[in-house]
Amino acid sequence: LLKSLLQKAREKIQFRKRAKLEKIMAKAREQGRITNDEAQKLLRVSDATATRYLRELVKQGRLRKVGEKRGARYEPAQ
């Protein structure tokens, strides 16, 4: 019983995370790019969380990082 509850909780968390990643991708496609700041405001999350989500999308090959530090932005990978 406990295992199935934990599994359900994990699935719910993964579902929400995927939804947030899709929201970032939709915005990036719409604008042609997205910044960490924009991701933070879009999802109402902290700087660190936005960074984690953007890194995840880069790792998946769905976004590519352009620029460094404060000037960094993320563009949909073609």
PDB file of N, CA and C in Angstrom:
ATOM      1  N   LEU A   1       0.836  -1.210   0.000  1.00  0.00           N
ATOM      2  CA  LEU A   1       0.000   0.000   0.000  1.00  0.00           C
ATOM      3  C   LEU A   1       0.873   1.263   0.000  1.00  0.00           C
ATOM      4  N   LEU A   2       1.852   1.298   0.888  1.00  0.00           N
ATOM      5  CA  LEU A   2       2.733   2.468   0.962  1.00  0.00           C
ATOM      6  C   LEU A   2       3.493   2.660  -0.347  1.00  0.00           C
ATOM      7  N   LYS A   3       3.966   1.541  -0.913  1.00  0.00           N
ATOM      8  CA  LYS A   3       4.696   1.619  -2.183  1.00  0.00           C
ATOM      9  C   LYS A   3       3.830   2.199  -3.290  1.00  0.00           C
ATOM     10  N   SER A   4       2.566   1.769  -3.330  1.00  0.00           N
ATOM     11  CA  SER A   4       1.692   2.273  -4.393  1.00  0.00           C
ATOM     12  C   SER A   4       1.394   3.764  -4.186  1.00  0.00           C
ATOM     13  N   LEU A   5       1.279   4.198  -2.938  1.00  0.00           N
ATOM     14  CA  LEU A   5       1.071   5.624  -2.664  1.00  0.00           C
ATOM     15  C   LEU A   5       2.291   6.441  -3.078  1.00  0.00           C
ATOM     16  N   LEU A   6       3.478   5.929  -2.754  1.00  0.00           N
ATOM     17  CA  LEU A   6       4.717   6.609  -3.146  1.00  0.00           C
ATOM     18  C   LEU A   6       4.829   6.677  -4.666  1.00  0.00           C
ATOM     19  N   GLN A   7       4.499   5.581  -5.323  1.00  0.00           N
ATOM     20  CA  GLN A   7       4.540   5.542  -6.786  1.00  0.00           C
ATOM     21  C   GLN A   7       3.590   6.565  -7.386  1.00  0.00           C
ATOM     22  N   LYS A   8       2.377   6.652  -6.842  1.00  0.00           N
ATOM     23  CA  LYS A   8       1.393   7.623  -7.329  1.00  0.00           C
ATOM     24  C   LYS A   8       1.888   9.052  -7.130  1.00  0.00           C
ATOM     25  N   ALA A   9       2.499   9.304  -5.983  1.00  0.00           N
ATOM     26  CA  ALA A   9       3.035  10.640  -5.688  1.00  0.00           C
ATOM     27  C   ALA A   9       4.135  10.998  -6.681  1.00  0.00           C
ATOM     28  N   ARG A  10       5.026  10.036  -6.936  1.00  0.00           N
ATOM     29  CA  ARG A  10       6.114  10.269  -7.907  1.00  0.00           C
ATOM     30  C   ARG A  10       5.566  10.567  -9.295  1.00  0.00           C
ATOM     31  N   GLU A  11       4.557   9.797  -9.701  1.00  0.00           N
ATOM     32  CA  GLU A  11       3.961  10.005 -11.021  1.00  0.00           C
ATOM     33  C   GLU A  11       3.325  11.389 -11.124  1.00  0.00           C
ATOM     34  N   LYS A  12       2.674  11.824 -10.060  1.00  0.00           N
ATOM     35  CA  LYS A  12       2.039  13.141 -10.040  1.00  0.00           C
ATOM     36  C   LYS A  12       3.095  14.244 -10.176  1.00  0.00           C
ATOM     37  N   ILE A  13       4.195  14.092  -9.433  1.00  0.00           N
ATOM     38  CA  ILE A  13       5.291  15.061  -9.492  1.00  0.00           C
ATOM     39  C   ILE A  13       5.878  15.104 -10.902  1.00  0.00           C
ATOM     40  N   GLN A  14       6.123  13.927 -11.490  1.00  0.00           N
ATOM     41  CA  GLN A  14       6.666  13.859 -12.845  1.00  0.00           C
ATOM     42  C   GLN A  14       5.710  14.506 -13.850  1.00  0.00           C
ATOM     43  N   PHE A  15       4.416  14.271 -13.668  1.00  0.00           N
ATOM     44  CA  PHE A  15       3.414  14.843 -14.566  1.00  0.00           C
ATOM     45  C   PHE A  15       3.466  16.372 -14.506  1.00  0.00           C
ATOM     46  N   ARG A  16       3.514  16.911 -13.275  1.00  0.00           N
ATOM     47  CA  ARG A  16       3.577  18.376 -13.107  1.00  0.00           C
ATOM     48  C   ARG A  16       4.852  18.945 -13.704  1.00  0.00           C
ATOM     49  N   LYS A  17       5.972  18.230 -13.501  1.00  0.00           N
ATOM     50  CA  LYS A  17       7.254  18.693 -14.038  1.00  0.00           C
ATOM     51  C   LYS A  17       7.204  18.727 -15.567  1.00  0.00           C
ATOM     52  N   ARG A  18       6.658  17.658 -16.165  1.00  0.00           N
ATOM     53  CA  ARG A  18       6.546  17.621 -17.632  1.00  0.00           C
ATOM     54  C   ARG A  18       5.688  18.770 -18.134  1.00  0.00           C
ATOM     55  N   ALA A  19       4.606  19.070 -17.413  1.00  0.00           N
ATOM     56  CA  ALA A  19       3.723  20.175 -17.811  1.00  0.00           C
ATOM     57  C   ALA A  19       4.485  21.500 -17.786  1.00  0.00           C
ATOM     58  N   LYS A  20       5.321  21.690 -16.764  1.00  0.00           N
ATOM     59  CA  LYS A  20       6.107  22.925 -16.665  1.00  0.00           C
ATOM     60  C   LYS A  20       7.154  23.009 -17.774  1.00  0.00           C
ATOM     61  N   LEU A  21       7.790  21.882 -18.076  1.00  0.00           N
ATOM     62  CA  LEU A  21       8.776  21.866 -19.164  1.00  0.00           C
ATOM     63  C   LEU A  21       8.096  22.196 -20.488  1.00  0.00           C
ATOM     64  N   GLU A  22       6.886  21.672 -20.689  1.00  0.00           N
ATOM     65  CA  GLU A  22       6.138  21.965 -21.926  1.00  0.00           C
ATOM     66  C   GLU A  22       5.750  23.437 -22.007  1.00  0.00           C
ATOM     67  N   LYS A  23       5.427  24.034 -20.859  1.00  0.00           N
ATOM     68  CA  LYS A  23       5.080  25.457 -20.810  1.00  0.00           C
ATOM     69  C   LYS A  23       6.286  26.305 -21.238  1.00  0.00           C
ATOM     70  N   ILE A  24       7.476  25.927 -20.751  1.00  0.00           N
ATOM     71  CA  ILE A  24       8.708  26.636 -21.131  1.00  0.00           C
ATOM     72  C   ILE A  24       8.934  26.493 -22.636  1.00  0.00           C
ATOM     73  N   MET A  25       8.776  25.268 -23.150  1.00  0.00           N
ATOM     74  CA  MET A  25       8.989  25.033 -24.583  1.00  0.00           C
ATOM     75  C   MET A  25       8.010  25.840 -25.441  1.00  0.00           C
ATOM     76  N   ALA A  26       6.751  25.896 -25.020  1.00  0.00           N
ATOM     77  CA  ALA A  26       5.743  26.643 -25.784  1.00  0.00           C
ATOM     78  C   ALA A  26       6.127  28.122 -25.864  1.00  0.00           C
ATOM     79  N   LYS A  27       6.548  28.686 -24.732  1.00  0.00           N
ATOM     80  CA  LYS A  27       6.959  30.098 -24.688  1.00  0.00           C
ATOM     81  C   LYS A  27       8.205  30.331 -25.540  1.00  0.00           C
ATOM     82  N   ALA A  28       9.152  29.402 -25.457  1.00  0.00           N
ATOM     83  CA  ALA A  28      10.398  29.528 -26.234  1.00  0.00           C
ATOM     84  C   ALA A  28      10.099  29.483 -27.736  1.00  0.00           C
ATOM     85  N   ARG A  29       9.185  28.603 -28.139  1.00  0.00           N
ATOM     86  CA  ARG A  29       8.821  28.515 -29.560  1.00  0.00           C
ATOM     87  C   ARG A  29       8.091  29.783 -30.009  1.00  0.00           C
ATOM     88  N   GLU A  30       7.196  30.265 -29.161  1.00  0.00           N
ATOM     89  CA  GLU A  30       6.394  31.450 -29.472  1.00  0.00           C
ATOM     90  C   GLU A  30       7.285  32.676 -29.677  1.00  0.00           C
ATOM     91  N   GLN A  31       8.270  32.861 -28.779  1.00  0.00           N
ATOM     92  CA  GLN A  31       9.149  34.041 -28.831  1.00  0.00           C
ATOM     93  C   GLN A  31      10.431  33.799 -29.604  1.00  0.00           C
ATOM     94  N   GLY A  32      10.747  32.533 -29.858  1.00  0.00           N
ATOM     95  CA  GLY A  32      12.011  32.208 -30.515  1.00  0.00           C
ATOM     96  C   GLY A  32      13.150  32.045 -29.516  1.00  0.00           C
ATOM     97  N   ARG A  33      12.872  32.362 -28.250  1.00  0.00           N
ATOM     98  CA  ARG A  33      13.868  32.219 -27.179  1.00  0.00           C
ATOM     99  C   ARG A  33      13.186  32.421 -25.837  1.00  0.00           C
ATOM    100  N   ILE A  34      13.888  32.049 -24.761  1.00  0.00           N
ATOM    101  CA  ILE A  34      13.388  32.312 -23.409  1.00  0.00           C
ATOM    102  C   ILE A  34      14.597  32.522 -22.497  1.00  0.00           C
ATOM    103  N   THR A  35      14.455  33.392 -21.527  1.00  0.00           N
ATOM    104  CA  THR A  35      15.527  33.619 -20.554  1.00  0.00           C
ATOM    105  C   THR A  35      15.134  32.967 -19.228  1.00  0.00           C
ATOM    106  N   ASN A  36      16.106  32.854 -18.342  1.00  0.00           N
ATOM    107  CA  ASN A  36      15.844  32.302 -17.011  1.00  0.00           C
ATOM    108  C   ASN A  36      14.791  33.160 -16.303  1.00  0.00           C
ATOM    109  N   ASP A  37      14.932  34.469 -16.413  1.00  0.00           N
ATOM    110  CA  ASP A  37      13.981  35.410 -15.800  1.00  0.00           C
ATOM    111  C   ASP A  37      12.551  35.163 -16.277  1.00  0.00           C
ATOM    112  N   GLU A  38      12.407  34.997 -17.583  1.00  0.00           N
ATOM    113  CA  GLU A  38      11.076  34.750 -18.153  1.00  0.00           C
ATOM    114  C   GLU A  38      10.508  33.420 -17.670  1.00  0.00           C
ATOM    115  N   ALA A  39      11.360  32.406 -17.577  1.00  0.00           N
ATOM    116  CA  ALA A  39      10.917  31.089 -17.086  1.00  0.00           C
ATOM    117  C   ALA A  39      10.456  31.195 -15.634  1.00  0.00           C
ATOM    118  N   GLN A  40      11.202  31.966 -14.833  1.00  0.00           N
ATOM    119  CA  GLN A  40      10.827  32.169 -13.424  1.00  0.00           C
ATOM    120  C   GLN A  40       9.435  32.782 -13.316  1.00  0.00           C
ATOM    121  N   LYS A  41       9.197  33.839 -14.089  1.00  0.00           N
ATOM    122  CA  LYS A  41       7.912  34.542 -14.037  1.00  0.00           C
ATOM    123  C   LYS A  41       6.789  33.670 -14.588  1.00  0.00           C
ATOM    124  N   LEU A  42       7.062  32.966 -15.674  1.00  0.00           N
ATOM    125  CA  LEU A  42       6.065  32.109 -16.312  1.00  0.00           C
ATOM    126  C   LEU A  42       5.569  31.022 -15.368  1.00  0.00           C
ATOM    127  N   LEU A  43       6.499  30.401 -14.645  1.00  0.00           N
ATOM    128  CA  LEU A  43       6.149  29.268 -13.779  1.00  0.00           C
ATOM    129  C   LEU A  43       6.005  29.644 -12.307  1.00  0.00           C
ATOM    130  N   ARG A  44       6.337  30.903 -11.983  1.00  0.00           N
ATOM    131  CA  ARG A  44       6.338  31.360 -10.587  1.00  0.00           C
ATOM    132  C   ARG A  44       7.220  30.463  -9.717  1.00  0.00           C
ATOM    133  N   VAL A  45       8.475  30.317 -10.152  1.00  0.00           N
ATOM    134  CA  VAL A  45       9.439  29.495  -9.412  1.00  0.00           C
ATOM    135  C   VAL A  45      10.696  30.319  -9.130  1.00  0.00           C
ATOM    136  N   SER A  46      11.569  29.771  -8.295  1.00  0.00           N
ATOM    137  CA  SER A  46      12.821  30.451  -7.954  1.00  0.00           C
ATOM    138  C   SER A  46      13.809  30.401  -9.121  1.00  0.00           C
ATOM    139  N   ASP A  47      14.852  31.207  -9.001  1.00  0.00           N
ATOM    140  CA  ASP A  47      15.931  31.237  -9.984  1.00  0.00           C
ATOM    141  C   ASP A  47      16.533  29.844 -10.151  1.00  0.00           C
ATOM    142  N   ALA A  48      16.813  29.176  -9.030  1.00  0.00           N
ATOM    143  CA  ALA A  48      17.448  27.847  -9.062  1.00  0.00           C
ATOM    144  C   ALA A  48      16.551  26.821  -9.764  1.00  0.00           C
ATOM    145  N   THR A  49      15.255  26.879  -9.493  1.00  0.00           N
ATOM    146  CA  THR A  49      14.320  25.931 -10.108  1.00  0.00           C
ATOM    147  C   THR A  49      14.225  26.178 -11.609  1.00  0.00           C
ATOM    148  N   ALA A  50      14.130  27.441 -12.000  1.00  0.00           N
ATOM    149  CA  ALA A  50      14.075  27.781 -13.427  1.00  0.00           C
ATOM    150  C   ALA A  50      15.341  27.282 -14.125  1.00  0.00           C
ATOM    151  N   THR A  51      16.483  27.483 -13.492  1.00  0.00           N
ATOM    152  CA  THR A  51      17.760  27.025 -14.049  1.00  0.00           C
ATOM    153  C   THR A  51      17.741  25.504 -14.240  1.00  0.00           C
ATOM    154  N   ARG A  52      17.244  24.796 -13.225  1.00  0.00           N
ATOM    155  CA  ARG A  52      17.168  23.325 -13.312  1.00  0.00           C
ATOM    156  C   ARG A  52      16.291  22.881 -14.480  1.00  0.00           C
ATOM    157  N   TYR A  53      15.134  23.514 -14.633  1.00  0.00           N
ATOM    158  CA  TYR A  53      14.231  23.162 -15.734  1.00  0.00           C
ATOM    159  C   TYR A  53      14.876  23.445 -17.093  1.00  0.00           C
ATOM    160  N   LEU A  54      15.519  24.604 -17.219  1.00  0.00           N
ATOM    161  CA  LEU A  54      16.159  24.964 -18.487  1.00  0.00           C
ATOM    162  C   LEU A  54      17.310  24.007 -18.803  1.00  0.00           C
ATOM    163  N   ARG A  55      18.101  23.661 -17.780  1.00  0.00           N
ATOM    164  CA  ARG A  55      19.198  22.696 -17.974  1.00  0.00           C
ATOM    165  C   ARG A  55      18.676  21.344 -18.441  1.00  0.00           C
ATOM    166  N   GLU A  56      17.571  20.927 -17.843  1.00  0.00           N
ATOM    167  CA  GLU A  56      16.939  19.648 -18.211  1.00  0.00           C
ATOM    168  C   GLU A  56      16.557  19.649 -19.693  1.00  0.00           C
ATOM    169  N   LEU A  57      15.971  20.759 -20.155  1.00  0.00           N
ATOM    170  CA  LEU A  57      15.569  20.855 -21.563  1.00  0.00           C
ATOM    171  C   LEU A  57      16.784  20.885 -22.494  1.00  0.00           C
ATOM    172  N   VAL A  58      17.877  21.490 -22.045  1.00  0.00           N
ATOM    173  CA  VAL A  58      19.119  21.492 -22.829  1.00  0.00           C
ATOM    174  C   VAL A  58      19.648  20.057 -22.909  1.00  0.00           C
ATOM    175  N   LYS A  59      19.648  19.369 -21.765  1.00  0.00           N
ATOM    176  CA  LYS A  59      20.122  17.982 -21.706  1.00  0.00           C
ATOM    177  C   LYS A  59      19.301  17.078 -22.630  1.00  0.00           C
ATOM    178  N   GLN A  60      17.993  17.333 -22.700  1.00  0.00           N
ATOM    179  CA  GLN A  60      17.105  16.553 -23.569  1.00  0.00           C
ATOM    180  C   GLN A  60      17.287  16.922 -25.045  1.00  0.00           C
ATOM    181  N   GLY A  61      18.056  18.001 -25.304  1.00  0.00           N
ATOM    182  CA  GLY A  61      18.285  18.428 -26.681  1.00  0.00           C
ATOM    183  C   GLY A  61      17.130  19.231 -27.264  1.00  0.00           C
ATOM    184  N   ARG A  62      16.240  19.722 -26.409  1.00  0.00           N
ATOM    185  CA  ARG A  62      15.074  20.478 -26.889  1.00  0.00           C
ATOM    186  C   ARG A  62      15.346  21.981 -26.934  1.00  0.00           C
ATOM    187  N   LEU A  63      16.275  22.446 -26.097  1.00  0.00           N
ATOM    188  CA  LEU A  63      16.699  23.853 -26.106  1.00  0.00           C
ATOM    189  C   LEU A  63      18.215  23.887 -26.244  1.00  0.00           C
ATOM    190  N   ARG A  64      18.724  25.023 -26.727  1.00  0.00           N
ATOM    191  CA  ARG A  64      20.179  25.202 -26.688  1.00  0.00           C
ATOM    192  C   ARG A  64      20.484  26.554 -26.053  1.00  0.00           C
ATOM    193  N   LYS A  65      21.533  26.562 -25.241  1.00  0.00           N
ATOM    194  CA  LYS A  65      21.914  27.768 -24.511  1.00  0.00           C
ATOM    195  C   LYS A  65      22.764  28.653 -25.409  1.00  0.00           C
ATOM    196  N   VAL A  66      22.409  29.924 -25.447  1.00  0.00           N
ATOM    197  CA  VAL A  66      23.149  30.900 -26.244  1.00  0.00           C
ATOM    198  C   VAL A  66      23.636  31.991 -25.302  1.00  0.00           C
ATOM    199  N   GLY A  67      24.939  32.214 -25.254  1.00  0.00           N
ATOM    200  CA  GLY A  67      25.497  33.228 -24.373  1.00  0.00           C
ATOM    201  C   GLY A  67      25.823  32.658 -23.004  1.00  0.00           C
ATOM    202  N   GLU A  68      26.432  33.490 -22.184  1.00  0.00           N
ATOM    203  CA  GLU A  68      26.861  33.065 -20.851  1.00  0.00           C
ATOM    204  C   GLU A  68      26.350  34.020 -19.783  1.00  0.00           C
ATOM    205  N   LYS A  69      26.308  33.547 -18.585  1.00  0.00           N
ATOM    206  CA  LYS A  69      25.943  34.317 -17.389  1.00  0.00           C
ATOM    207  C   LYS A  69      24.682  35.142 -17.592  1.00  0.00           C
ATOM    208  N   ARG A  70      24.737  36.446 -17.313  1.00  0.00           N
ATOM    209  CA  ARG A  70      23.542  37.308 -17.336  1.00  0.00           C
ATOM    210  C   ARG A  70      22.918  37.419 -18.734  1.00  0.00           C
ATOM    211  N   GLY A  71      23.735  37.257 -19.773  1.00  0.00           N
ATOM    212  CA  GLY A  71      23.211  37.415 -21.130  1.00  0.00           C
ATOM    213  C   GLY A  71      22.683  36.126 -21.730  1.00  0.00           C
ATOM    214  N   ALA A  72      22.664  35.071 -20.950  1.00  0.00           N
ATOM    215  CA  ALA A  72      22.248  33.763 -21.485  1.00  0.00           C
ATOM    216  C   ALA A  72      20.772  33.740 -21.826  1.00  0.00           C
ATOM    217  N   ARG A  73      20.478  33.071 -22.926  1.00  0.00           N
ATOM    218  CA  ARG A  73      19.091  32.817 -23.302  1.00  0.00           C
ATOM    219  C   ARG A  73      19.047  31.419 -23.905  1.00  0.00           C
ATOM    220  N   TYR A  74      17.860  30.900 -24.019  1.00  0.00           N
ATOM    221  CA  TYR A  74      17.688  29.532 -24.494  1.00  0.00           C
ATOM    222  C   TYR A  74      16.790  29.558 -25.714  1.00  0.00           C
ATOM    223  N   GLU A  75      17.239  28.905 -26.777  1.00  0.00           N
ATOM    224  CA  GLU A  75      16.480  28.868 -28.022  1.00  0.00           C
ATOM    225  C   GLU A  75      16.065  27.445 -28.331  1.00  0.00           C
ATOM    226  N   PRO A  76      14.902  27.278 -28.966  1.00  0.00           N
ATOM    227  CA  PRO A  76      14.499  25.919 -29.356  1.00  0.00           C
ATOM    228  C   PRO A  76      15.561  25.328 -30.285  1.00  0.00           C
ATOM    229  N   ALA A  77      15.923  24.092 -30.057  1.00  0.00           N
ATOM    230  CA  ALA A  77      16.907  23.418 -30.914  1.00  0.00           C
ATOM    231  C   ALA A  77      16.220  23.001 -32.200  1.00  0.00           C
ATOM    232  N   GLN A  78      16.835  23.333 -33.329  1.00  0.00           N
ATOM    233  CA  GLN A  78      16.231  22.985 -34.621  1.00  0.00           C
ATOM    234  C   GLN A  78      16.673  21.602 -35.057  1.00  0.00           C
TER     235      GLN A  78
END
